[in-house]
Amino acid sequence: MSEALLFHKTYDHPTSQEWVVFVHGAGGSSSIWFKQIKAYKEHFNVLLLDLRGHGRSNQIIKEILANRYTFKEVTQDVITVLDHLNIKRAHFVGMSLGTIIVRNLAEIASERVQSMVLGGAVTRLNVRSQLLVRLGNLSKHIIPYMWLYSLFAYIVMPQRNQRESRHLFIREAKKLCQKEFKRWFMMAADVNPLMRYFKERDLGIPTLYLMGELDYMFIQPVREMVEKHKESELLEIPNCGHVCNVERPNEFNYHSIKFIQQNSFA
């Protein structure tokens, strides 16, 4: 694996020993957390990062020549940043596909994970999602990737009050090159086998699923996951869709910060 580091930024708290690491989803960047930074840095040390090929990691990681990415490789990128910053243990906040990276990190290095907040969590692709992925795989060499991404954004976030979230993700996705988009898109085929494995394994790590009640593509599998894992809880945010940290930032910040404080080192 390349020794190049992901782009990252830290906010140091004057007294807290707690670290919170934010992990965005596919097509996004650390900029999606702009409504969380102020609230979080009042309580914790904060680490933001851009996953490989995204945001300001786009040029840094361009020397990685693998034809296909795996969740393991992308997760190891995050662990490398933690090692670089000497962060032994942290709370992790993920959004959308970033929740799979967080859950995979807990699988690979559970001793590094104090708690997990999984927003808009992807725990299984339903039939509609699988059809979209299959359609995308068939047409990804023919249709411009931004057409595909825009279509997915409208299907996952269809409501009028989700317009800000849609525009944010489409804007960030424009920064990806076609090859990078294809690599991340192909990872979607690995979601269901990986999540079936995760569903069977309860790691015993305190986990809060924060879901918009209108997140119709992903909320039912999360309900099923929470029933199986005793350390997990689900909070559904009313009148909210997939990207709940952007659509309902006050509720997201309040509930997630409270959860992390309840599961702090002290």
Protein backbone atom coordinates (compact mmCIF):
# COMPACT_ATOMS: atom_id res chain seq x y z
CA MET A 1 0.00 0.00 0.00
CA SER A 2 1.17 3.51 -0.72
CA GLU A 3 2.66 5.41 2.18
CA ALA A 4 0.90 8.59 1.03
CA LEU A 5 -1.47 9.95 3.65
CA LEU A 6 -5.06 10.92 3.06
CA PHE A 7 -5.73 14.62 3.32
CA HIS A 8 -6.77 15.30 6.90
CA LYS A 9 -7.42 18.21 9.24
CA THR A 10 -7.57 18.27 13.03
CA TYR A 11 -9.18 20.56 15.57
CA ASP A 12 -7.50 20.21 18.95
CA HIS A 13 -9.50 20.69 22.14
CA PRO A 14 -7.65 22.42 25.02
CA THR A 15 -8.63 19.85 27.67
CA SER A 16 -10.52 16.87 26.21
CA GLN A 17 -8.71 13.57 25.60
CA GLU A 18 -11.53 12.30 23.37
CA TRP A 19 -11.08 12.09 19.59
CA VAL A 20 -13.94 12.00 17.09
CA VAL A 21 -13.13 10.87 13.54
CA PHE A 22 -15.54 11.78 10.73
CA VAL A 23 -15.79 9.48 7.68
CA HIS A 24 -17.78 10.69 4.66
CA GLY A 25 -19.45 8.54 2.01
CA ALA A 26 -18.70 7.80 -1.65
CA GLY A 27 -18.73 10.87 -3.86
CA GLY A 28 -18.52 13.25 -0.89
CA SER A 29 -15.63 14.74 1.07
CA SER A 30 -14.93 16.05 4.55
CA SER A 31 -16.83 19.20 3.56
CA ILE A 32 -20.14 17.39 4.21
CA TRP A 33 -19.45 17.81 7.95
CA PHE A 34 -19.52 21.64 7.86
CA LYS A 35 -22.65 21.70 10.06
CA GLN A 36 -20.98 19.49 12.70
CA ILE A 37 -17.55 21.05 13.22
CA LYS A 38 -18.52 23.98 15.45
CA ALA A 39 -20.65 21.85 17.78
CA TYR A 40 -18.18 19.00 18.03
CA LYS A 41 -14.99 20.96 18.57
CA GLU A 42 -16.53 22.50 21.69
CA HIS A 43 -16.39 19.06 23.32
CA PHE A 44 -13.81 16.89 21.53
CA ASN A 45 -10.68 16.72 19.46
CA VAL A 46 -11.87 16.37 15.85
CA LEU A 47 -10.30 14.61 12.86
CA LEU A 48 -11.69 15.19 9.36
CA LEU A 49 -10.32 13.29 6.37
CA ASP A 50 -10.95 12.83 2.66
CA LEU A 51 -11.08 9.21 1.52
CA ARG A 52 -8.86 8.13 -1.37
CA GLY A 53 -9.78 9.80 -4.65
CA HIS A 54 -12.10 12.27 -2.89
CA GLY A 55 -11.76 15.95 -2.00
CA ARG A 56 -8.15 16.94 -1.40
CA SER A 57 -7.00 13.32 -1.34
CA ASN A 58 -7.60 13.15 -5.10
CA GLN A 59 -4.07 14.16 -6.08
CA ILE A 60 -2.30 12.72 -3.05
CA ILE A 61 -3.52 9.19 -3.74
CA LYS A 62 -3.27 9.27 -7.54
CA GLU A 63 -0.22 7.01 -7.49
CA ILE A 64 -2.35 4.10 -6.20
CA LEU A 65 -2.67 2.12 -9.41
CA ALA A 66 -4.96 -0.75 -8.33
CA ASN A 67 -7.67 -1.45 -10.88
CA ARG A 68 -10.20 -2.06 -8.14
CA TYR A 69 -10.51 -0.80 -4.59
CA THR A 70 -11.60 -2.94 -1.66
CA PHE A 71 -13.19 -1.89 1.61
CA LYS A 72 -10.14 -3.30 3.39
CA GLU A 73 -7.74 -1.03 1.48
CA VAL A 74 -9.88 2.07 1.98
CA THR A 75 -10.22 1.27 5.69
CA GLN A 76 -6.47 0.80 6.04
CA ASP A 77 -5.98 4.32 4.65
CA VAL A 78 -7.91 5.64 7.66
CA ILE A 79 -5.91 3.52 10.12
CA THR A 80 -2.68 4.88 8.60
CA VAL A 81 -3.82 8.44 9.40
CA LEU A 82 -4.68 7.40 12.97
CA ASP A 83 -1.20 5.89 13.37
CA HIS A 84 0.41 9.01 11.90
CA LEU A 85 -1.42 11.20 14.45
CA ASN A 86 -0.84 8.70 17.28
CA ILE A 87 -4.59 8.38 17.91
CA LYS A 88 -4.88 5.06 19.73
CA ARG A 89 -8.65 5.03 20.22
CA ALA A 90 -11.49 7.24 19.02
CA HIS A 91 -15.21 7.66 18.45
CA PHE A 92 -16.18 7.38 14.77
CA VAL A 93 -18.97 9.18 12.96
CA GLY A 94 -19.80 7.89 9.48
CA MET A 95 -22.31 8.87 6.83
CA SER A 96 -23.83 6.68 4.09
CA LEU A 97 -21.15 4.44 2.55
CA GLY A 98 -18.72 5.83 5.12
CA THR A 99 -20.62 3.83 7.75
CA ILE A 100 -19.33 0.65 6.11
CA ILE A 101 -15.76 1.95 6.38
CA VAL A 102 -16.32 2.67 10.09
CA ARG A 103 -17.87 -0.76 10.69
CA ASN A 104 -15.03 -2.42 8.79
CA LEU A 105 -12.46 -0.54 10.87
CA ALA A 106 -14.17 -1.87 13.99
CA GLU A 107 -13.86 -5.36 12.52
CA ILE A 108 -10.16 -4.98 11.65
CA ALA A 109 -9.08 -3.04 14.74
CA SER A 110 -11.84 -3.09 17.37
CA GLU A 111 -9.42 -1.80 20.03
CA ARG A 112 -9.29 1.53 18.15
CA VAL A 113 -13.07 2.10 18.27
CA GLN A 114 -14.67 3.51 21.44
CA SER A 115 -18.09 4.06 19.88
CA MET A 116 -19.74 4.45 16.48
CA VAL A 117 -22.35 6.92 15.22
CA LEU A 118 -23.65 5.68 11.86
CA GLY A 119 -25.75 8.24 9.99
CA GLY A 120 -27.78 7.25 6.93
CA ALA A 121 -26.26 3.82 7.48
CA VAL A 122 -25.99 1.36 4.62
CA THR A 123 -26.41 -2.13 6.08
CA ARG A 124 -27.89 -3.84 3.02
CA LEU A 125 -28.77 -2.94 -0.54
CA ASN A 126 -32.44 -3.66 -1.16
CA VAL A 127 -33.78 -4.93 -4.49
CA ARG A 128 -34.13 -1.40 -5.89
CA SER A 129 -30.58 -0.51 -4.83
CA GLN A 130 -29.21 -3.70 -6.37
CA LEU A 131 -31.00 -2.97 -9.65
CA LEU A 132 -29.48 0.51 -9.67
CA VAL A 133 -25.99 -0.89 -9.09
CA ARG A 134 -26.50 -3.48 -11.84
CA LEU A 135 -27.76 -0.82 -14.24
CA GLY A 136 -24.80 1.38 -13.36
CA ASN A 137 -22.31 -1.43 -13.92
CA LEU A 138 -23.80 -2.20 -17.31
CA SER A 139 -23.79 1.42 -18.45
CA LYS A 140 -20.77 2.92 -16.65
CA HIS A 141 -18.62 2.78 -19.81
CA ILE A 142 -21.35 4.37 -21.93
CA ILE A 143 -23.16 6.95 -19.80
CA PRO A 144 -21.15 9.87 -18.33
CA TYR A 145 -20.62 9.11 -14.66
CA MET A 146 -22.17 12.40 -13.50
CA TRP A 147 -25.44 11.42 -15.16
CA LEU A 148 -25.37 8.18 -13.19
CA TYR A 149 -24.43 9.88 -9.94
CA SER A 150 -27.13 12.53 -10.36
CA LEU A 151 -29.71 9.81 -11.05
CA PHE A 152 -28.69 7.93 -7.91
CA ALA A 153 -28.75 11.13 -5.86
CA TYR A 154 -32.34 11.84 -6.96
CA ILE A 155 -33.46 8.26 -6.26
CA VAL A 156 -31.84 8.09 -2.80
CA MET A 157 -32.81 11.68 -1.88
CA PRO A 158 -36.05 12.40 -3.78
CA GLN A 159 -37.88 14.78 -1.44
CA ARG A 160 -37.93 18.53 -1.94
CA ASN A 161 -36.42 19.15 1.50
CA GLN A 162 -33.45 16.99 0.47
CA ARG A 163 -32.41 19.42 -2.26
CA GLU A 164 -29.46 20.80 -0.27
CA SER A 165 -28.12 17.29 0.35
CA ARG A 166 -28.51 16.32 -3.31
CA HIS A 167 -26.73 19.42 -4.54
CA LEU A 168 -23.93 18.99 -2.00
CA PHE A 169 -23.22 15.41 -3.04
CA ILE A 170 -23.49 16.13 -6.77
CA ARG A 171 -21.13 19.10 -6.38
CA GLU A 172 -18.57 16.98 -4.54
CA ALA A 173 -18.92 14.08 -7.00
CA LYS A 174 -17.96 16.41 -9.85
CA LYS A 175 -14.48 16.53 -8.32
CA LEU A 176 -14.04 12.78 -8.94
CA CYS A 177 -12.56 11.65 -12.23
CA GLN A 178 -14.38 8.99 -14.28
CA LYS A 179 -11.88 6.26 -13.35
CA GLU A 180 -12.17 7.07 -9.65
CA PHE A 181 -15.96 6.97 -9.80
CA LYS A 182 -15.86 3.52 -11.44
CA ARG A 183 -13.54 2.15 -8.76
CA TRP A 184 -15.84 3.28 -5.96
CA PHE A 185 -18.94 2.22 -7.85
CA MET A 186 -17.59 -1.32 -8.27
CA MET A 187 -17.15 -1.55 -4.48
CA ALA A 188 -20.94 -1.40 -4.14
CA ALA A 189 -21.07 -5.01 -5.36
CA ASP A 190 -19.24 -6.02 -2.16
CA VAL A 191 -21.75 -4.37 0.21
CA ASN A 192 -24.25 -7.19 0.70
CA PRO A 193 -21.78 -10.05 1.33
CA LEU A 194 -19.83 -7.84 3.75
CA MET A 195 -22.92 -6.65 5.60
CA ARG A 196 -24.32 -10.18 5.91
CA TYR A 197 -21.12 -11.04 7.73
CA PHE A 198 -21.34 -7.91 9.92
CA LYS A 199 -24.98 -8.66 10.79
CA GLU A 200 -23.96 -12.01 12.24
CA ARG A 201 -21.16 -10.47 14.32
CA ASP A 202 -21.98 -8.27 17.29
CA LEU A 203 -18.70 -6.61 18.28
CA GLY A 204 -20.15 -5.24 21.50
CA ILE A 205 -19.13 -1.67 20.60
CA PRO A 206 -21.71 1.02 21.53
CA THR A 207 -23.36 2.03 18.25
CA LEU A 208 -25.95 4.68 17.49
CA TYR A 209 -27.73 4.53 14.16
CA LEU A 210 -29.08 7.97 13.26
CA MET A 211 -31.52 7.63 10.38
CA GLY A 212 -34.00 9.95 8.72
CA GLU A 213 -37.46 8.40 8.92
CA LEU A 214 -37.84 9.12 5.17
CA ASP A 215 -34.64 7.24 4.26
CA TYR A 216 -36.79 4.58 2.63
CA MET A 217 -33.99 2.73 0.82
CA PHE A 218 -31.90 1.97 3.90
CA ILE A 219 -33.91 2.28 7.11
CA GLN A 220 -35.59 -1.16 7.25
CA PRO A 221 -32.31 -3.14 7.12
CA VAL A 222 -31.00 -0.95 9.94
CA ARG A 223 -34.04 -1.78 12.07
CA GLU A 224 -33.27 -5.47 11.51
CA MET A 225 -29.58 -5.00 12.40
CA VAL A 226 -30.38 -3.18 15.66
CA GLU A 227 -32.67 -6.02 16.76
CA LYS A 228 -29.73 -8.44 16.55
CA HIS A 229 -27.00 -6.34 18.21
CA LYS A 230 -27.48 -5.61 21.91
CA GLU A 231 -25.07 -2.64 22.04
CA SER A 232 -26.83 -0.89 19.13
CA GLU A 233 -29.66 1.61 19.20
CA LEU A 234 -31.63 3.37 16.49
CA LEU A 235 -32.93 6.92 16.53
CA GLU A 236 -35.17 7.98 13.65
CA ILE A 237 -35.23 11.72 12.91
CA PRO A 238 -38.71 12.92 11.83
CA ASN A 239 -39.27 14.47 8.39
CA CYS A 240 -35.70 13.70 7.35
CA GLY A 241 -34.11 11.71 4.54
CA HIS A 242 -30.78 10.01 3.89
CA VAL A 243 -28.19 12.71 4.65
CA CYS A 244 -29.47 13.52 8.11
CA ASN A 245 -26.37 15.44 9.24
CA VAL A 246 -27.09 18.06 6.55
CA GLU A 247 -30.90 18.00 6.60
CA ARG A 248 -31.32 18.04 10.39
CA PRO A 249 -27.96 19.14 11.80
CA ASN A 250 -29.25 20.32 15.19
CA GLU A 251 -30.90 16.98 15.95
CA PHE A 252 -27.96 15.04 14.53
CA ASN A 253 -25.45 16.99 16.61
CA TYR A 254 -27.47 16.85 19.81
CA HIS A 255 -28.11 13.11 19.76
CA SER A 256 -24.68 12.08 18.48
CA ILE A 257 -22.72 14.27 20.91
CA LYS A 258 -24.86 13.06 23.82
CA PHE A 259 -24.24 9.44 22.78
CA ILE A 260 -20.48 9.95 22.51
CA GLN A 261 -20.33 11.66 25.89
CA GLN A 262 -22.20 8.74 27.42
CA ASN A 263 -19.61 6.37 25.96
CA SER A 264 -16.46 8.38 26.64
CA PHE A 265 -13.24 7.00 28.14
CA ALA A 266 -13.84 8.60 31.52
